[in-house]
Amino acid sequence: MKTLLNLIWLVLAGFWLAVGYAVAGIICCVLIVTIPFGIASFRIAGYTLWPFGRTVVDKPSAGAGALFGNIIWIIFAGWWLALGHLTTGIALCLTVIGIPLGIANFKLIPVSLLPLGKEIVPSNQPFATR
């Protein structure tokens, strides 16, 4: 079932959302100081391509740097990525088959706003291994 949902997700929403994250990652990597934001953006781009069967958890080692970085991320990139998830989620919820995909989009909003200090793990793994 995860594979079927992932394939439908990829066609209807995942590809374009991943492109948005990839563009944000490229812009962040061009500016040398923001490379950690680019790496986080590429990590989430991979997650948005194939989200079912994986989940986002807090890294236990994240500290004040992640908090400060997340504030900067919200200002420069997070708000428009979250807006993309919101609009895509609403559009998907207009159809019966798209409701689970719309809910998945709404679940991606927090990680699109606060990506630093997060880790993507398989759903059957209750916490991060690091």
C-alpha atoms as a PDB file:
ATOM      1  CA  MET A   1       0.000   0.000   0.000  1.00  0.00           C
ATOM      2  CA  LYS A   2       2.901   2.358   0.757  1.00  0.00           C
ATOM      3  CA  THR A   3       4.272   1.856  -2.734  1.00  0.00           C
ATOM      4  CA  LEU A   4       0.935   2.627  -4.382  1.00  0.00           C
ATOM      5  CA  LEU A   5       0.483   5.783  -2.285  1.00  0.00           C
ATOM      6  CA  ASN A   6       4.056   6.845  -3.062  1.00  0.00           C
ATOM      7  CA  LEU A   7       3.519   6.400  -6.801  1.00  0.00           C
ATOM      8  CA  ILE A   8       0.286   8.405  -6.773  1.00  0.00           C
ATOM      9  CA  TRP A   9       1.989  11.008  -4.577  1.00  0.00           C
ATOM     10  CA  LEU A  10       4.937  11.279  -6.968  1.00  0.00           C
ATOM     11  CA  VAL A  11       2.669  11.955  -9.945  1.00  0.00           C
ATOM     12  CA  LEU A  12       0.229  14.347  -8.259  1.00  0.00           C
ATOM     13  CA  ALA A  13       2.397  16.343  -5.859  1.00  0.00           C
ATOM     14  CA  GLY A  14       5.784  14.896  -4.958  1.00  0.00           C
ATOM     15  CA  PHE A  15       7.730  15.781  -8.068  1.00  0.00           C
ATOM     16  CA  TRP A  16       6.863  19.487  -8.040  1.00  0.00           C
ATOM     17  CA  LEU A  17       7.323  19.846  -4.297  1.00  0.00           C
ATOM     18  CA  ALA A  18      10.729  18.173  -4.568  1.00  0.00           C
ATOM     19  CA  VAL A  19      11.649  20.602  -7.355  1.00  0.00           C
ATOM     20  CA  GLY A  20      10.782  23.479  -5.004  1.00  0.00           C
ATOM     21  CA  TYR A  21      13.038  22.064  -2.307  1.00  0.00           C
ATOM     22  CA  ALA A  22      15.808  21.419  -4.840  1.00  0.00           C
ATOM     23  CA  VAL A  23      15.649  25.021  -6.069  1.00  0.00           C
ATOM     24  CA  ALA A  24      15.847  26.262  -2.478  1.00  0.00           C
ATOM     25  CA  GLY A  25      18.794  23.897  -1.894  1.00  0.00           C
ATOM     26  CA  ILE A  26      20.657  25.123  -4.960  1.00  0.00           C
ATOM     27  CA  ILE A  27      20.167  28.753  -3.970  1.00  0.00           C
ATOM     28  CA  CYS A  28      21.354  27.991  -0.448  1.00  0.00           C
ATOM     29  CA  CYS A  29      24.434  26.129  -1.695  1.00  0.00           C
ATOM     30  CA  VAL A  30      25.425  28.946  -4.040  1.00  0.00           C
ATOM     31  CA  LEU A  31      25.651  31.240  -1.033  1.00  0.00           C
ATOM     32  CA  ILE A  32      28.507  29.609   0.854  1.00  0.00           C
ATOM     33  CA  VAL A  33      27.309  30.557   4.341  1.00  0.00           C
ATOM     34  CA  THR A  34      23.942  28.820   3.860  1.00  0.00           C
ATOM     35  CA  ILE A  35      25.216  25.395   2.792  1.00  0.00           C
ATOM     36  CA  PRO A  36      23.685  23.697   5.887  1.00  0.00           C
ATOM     37  CA  PHE A  37      20.298  24.990   4.740  1.00  0.00           C
ATOM     38  CA  GLY A  38      20.928  23.582   1.271  1.00  0.00           C
ATOM     39  CA  ILE A  39      21.766  20.179   2.686  1.00  0.00           C
ATOM     40  CA  ALA A  40      18.569  20.210   4.775  1.00  0.00           C
ATOM     41  CA  SER A  41      16.588  21.253   1.719  1.00  0.00           C
ATOM     42  CA  PHE A  42      17.991  18.402  -0.396  1.00  0.00           C
ATOM     43  CA  ARG A  43      17.241  15.936   2.416  1.00  0.00           C
ATOM     44  CA  ILE A  44      13.613  17.066   2.530  1.00  0.00           C
ATOM     45  CA  ALA A  45      13.408  17.017  -1.291  1.00  0.00           C
ATOM     46  CA  GLY A  46      14.181  13.304  -1.173  1.00  0.00           C
ATOM     47  CA  TYR A  47      11.582  12.845   1.527  1.00  0.00           C
ATOM     48  CA  THR A  48       8.908  14.640  -0.502  1.00  0.00           C
ATOM     49  CA  LEU A  49       9.543  12.368  -3.454  1.00  0.00           C
ATOM     50  CA  TRP A  50       8.740   9.201  -1.465  1.00  0.00           C
ATOM     51  CA  PRO A  51       7.180  10.112   1.935  1.00  0.00           C
ATOM     52  CA  PHE A  52       5.006   7.125   2.798  1.00  0.00           C
ATOM     53  CA  GLY A  53       6.857   4.622   4.968  1.00  0.00           C
ATOM     54  CA  ARG A  54       9.149   7.258   6.444  1.00  0.00           C
ATOM     55  CA  THR A  55       8.740   9.839   9.191  1.00  0.00           C
ATOM     56  CA  VAL A  56      10.525  12.873  10.566  1.00  0.00           C
ATOM     57  CA  VAL A  57      11.922  12.843  14.115  1.00  0.00           C
ATOM     58  CA  ASP A  58      13.917  15.327  16.173  1.00  0.00           C
ATOM     59  CA  LYS A  59      17.672  14.798  16.330  1.00  0.00           C
ATOM     60  CA  PRO A  60      18.713  14.481  19.963  1.00  0.00           C
ATOM     61  CA  SER A  61      21.962  16.313  19.199  1.00  0.00           C
ATOM     62  CA  ALA A  62      20.246  19.435  17.804  1.00  0.00           C
ATOM     63  CA  GLY A  63      20.862  22.536  19.854  1.00  0.00           C
ATOM     64  CA  ALA A  64      20.774  26.304  19.746  1.00  0.00           C
ATOM     65  CA  GLY A  65      22.367  26.401  16.289  1.00  0.00           C
ATOM     66  CA  ALA A  66      19.433  24.486  14.826  1.00  0.00           C
ATOM     67  CA  LEU A  67      16.990  26.857  16.525  1.00  0.00           C
ATOM     68  CA  PHE A  68      18.774  29.927  15.173  1.00  0.00           C
ATOM     69  CA  GLY A  69      19.063  28.345  11.722  1.00  0.00           C
ATOM     70  CA  ASN A  70      15.368  27.463  11.680  1.00  0.00           C
ATOM     71  CA  ILE A  71      14.447  31.080  12.394  1.00  0.00           C
ATOM     72  CA  ILE A  72      16.542  32.219   9.435  1.00  0.00           C
ATOM     73  CA  TRP A  73      15.077  29.401   7.294  1.00  0.00           C
ATOM     74  CA  ILE A  74      11.483  30.467   8.056  1.00  0.00           C
ATOM     75  CA  ILE A  75      12.230  34.024   6.970  1.00  0.00           C
ATOM     76  CA  PHE A  76      13.956  33.209   3.685  1.00  0.00           C
ATOM     77  CA  ALA A  77      12.627  29.867   2.418  1.00  0.00           C
ATOM     78  CA  GLY A  78      10.345  28.027   4.824  1.00  0.00           C
ATOM     79  CA  TRP A  79       7.254  30.153   4.457  1.00  0.00           C
ATOM     80  CA  TRP A  80       6.930  29.703   0.686  1.00  0.00           C
ATOM     81  CA  LEU A  81       7.633  25.966   0.883  1.00  0.00           C
ATOM     82  CA  ALA A  82       4.990  25.627   3.607  1.00  0.00           C
ATOM     83  CA  LEU A  83       2.608  27.634   1.428  1.00  0.00           C
ATOM     84  CA  GLY A  84       3.265  25.166  -1.408  1.00  0.00           C
ATOM     85  CA  HIS A  85       2.360  22.267   0.885  1.00  0.00           C
ATOM     86  CA  LEU A  86      -0.777  24.065   2.069  1.00  0.00           C
ATOM     87  CA  THR A  87      -2.080  24.859  -1.414  1.00  0.00           C
ATOM     88  CA  THR A  88      -1.215  21.419  -2.762  1.00  0.00           C
ATOM     89  CA  GLY A  89      -2.836  19.766   0.258  1.00  0.00           C
ATOM     90  CA  ILE A  90      -6.046  21.744  -0.188  1.00  0.00           C
ATOM     91  CA  ALA A  91      -6.159  20.923  -3.907  1.00  0.00           C
ATOM     92  CA  LEU A  92      -5.613  17.217  -3.229  1.00  0.00           C
ATOM     93  CA  CYS A  93      -8.316  17.124  -0.559  1.00  0.00           C
ATOM     94  CA  LEU A  94     -10.880  18.211  -3.152  1.00  0.00           C
ATOM     95  CA  THR A  95     -10.867  14.672  -4.562  1.00  0.00           C
ATOM     96  CA  VAL A  96     -11.673  11.489  -2.670  1.00  0.00           C
ATOM     97  CA  ILE A  97      -8.522   9.670  -3.776  1.00  0.00           C
ATOM     98  CA  GLY A  98      -6.405  12.707  -2.923  1.00  0.00           C
ATOM     99  CA  ILE A  99      -7.466  13.028   0.724  1.00  0.00           C
ATOM    100  CA  PRO A 100      -4.643  10.828   2.128  1.00  0.00           C
ATOM    101  CA  LEU A 101      -2.187  12.736  -0.051  1.00  0.00           C
ATOM    102  CA  GLY A 102      -3.552  16.070   1.140  1.00  0.00           C
ATOM    103  CA  ILE A 103      -3.173  14.972   4.755  1.00  0.00           C
ATOM    104  CA  ALA A 104       0.413  13.927   3.990  1.00  0.00           C
ATOM    105  CA  ASN A 105       1.014  17.409   2.590  1.00  0.00           C
ATOM    106  CA  PHE A 106      -0.295  18.991   5.776  1.00  0.00           C
ATOM    107  CA  LYS A 107       2.053  16.758   7.793  1.00  0.00           C
ATOM    108  CA  LEU A 108       5.000  18.101   5.772  1.00  0.00           C
ATOM    109  CA  ILE A 109       4.309  21.720   6.741  1.00  0.00           C
ATOM    110  CA  PRO A 110       6.141  21.580  10.117  1.00  0.00           C
ATOM    111  CA  VAL A 111       9.300  20.106   8.585  1.00  0.00           C
ATOM    112  CA  SER A 112       9.186  22.629   5.743  1.00  0.00           C
ATOM    113  CA  LEU A 113       9.154  25.413   8.328  1.00  0.00           C
ATOM    114  CA  LEU A 114      11.721  23.927  10.749  1.00  0.00           C
ATOM    115  CA  PRO A 115      14.023  21.514   8.851  1.00  0.00           C
ATOM    116  CA  LEU A 116      17.185  21.820  10.932  1.00  0.00           C
ATOM    117  CA  GLY A 117      17.513  19.430  13.833  1.00  0.00           C
ATOM    118  CA  LYS A 118      15.300  16.844  12.132  1.00  0.00           C
ATOM    119  CA  GLU A 119      16.079  13.393  10.788  1.00  0.00           C
ATOM    120  CA  ILE A 120      14.116  11.225   8.340  1.00  0.00           C
ATOM    121  CA  VAL A 121      13.769   7.604   9.471  1.00  0.00           C
ATOM    122  CA  PRO A 122      11.690   4.602   8.408  1.00  0.00           C
ATOM    123  CA  SER A 123       8.205   4.606   9.967  1.00  0.00           C
ATOM    124  CA  ASN A 124       8.829   1.310  11.752  1.00  0.00           C
ATOM    125  CA  GLN A 125      11.825   2.843  13.568  1.00  0.00           C
ATOM    126  CA  PRO A 126      10.500   4.714  16.627  1.00  0.00           C
ATOM    127  CA  PHE A 127      13.441   7.085  17.055  1.00  0.00           C
ATOM    128  CA  ALA A 128      16.610   8.223  15.346  1.00  0.00           C
ATOM    129  CA  THR A 129      19.629   5.952  15.470  1.00  0.00           C
ATOM    130  CA  ARG A 130      22.077   8.783  16.123  1.00  0.00           C
END
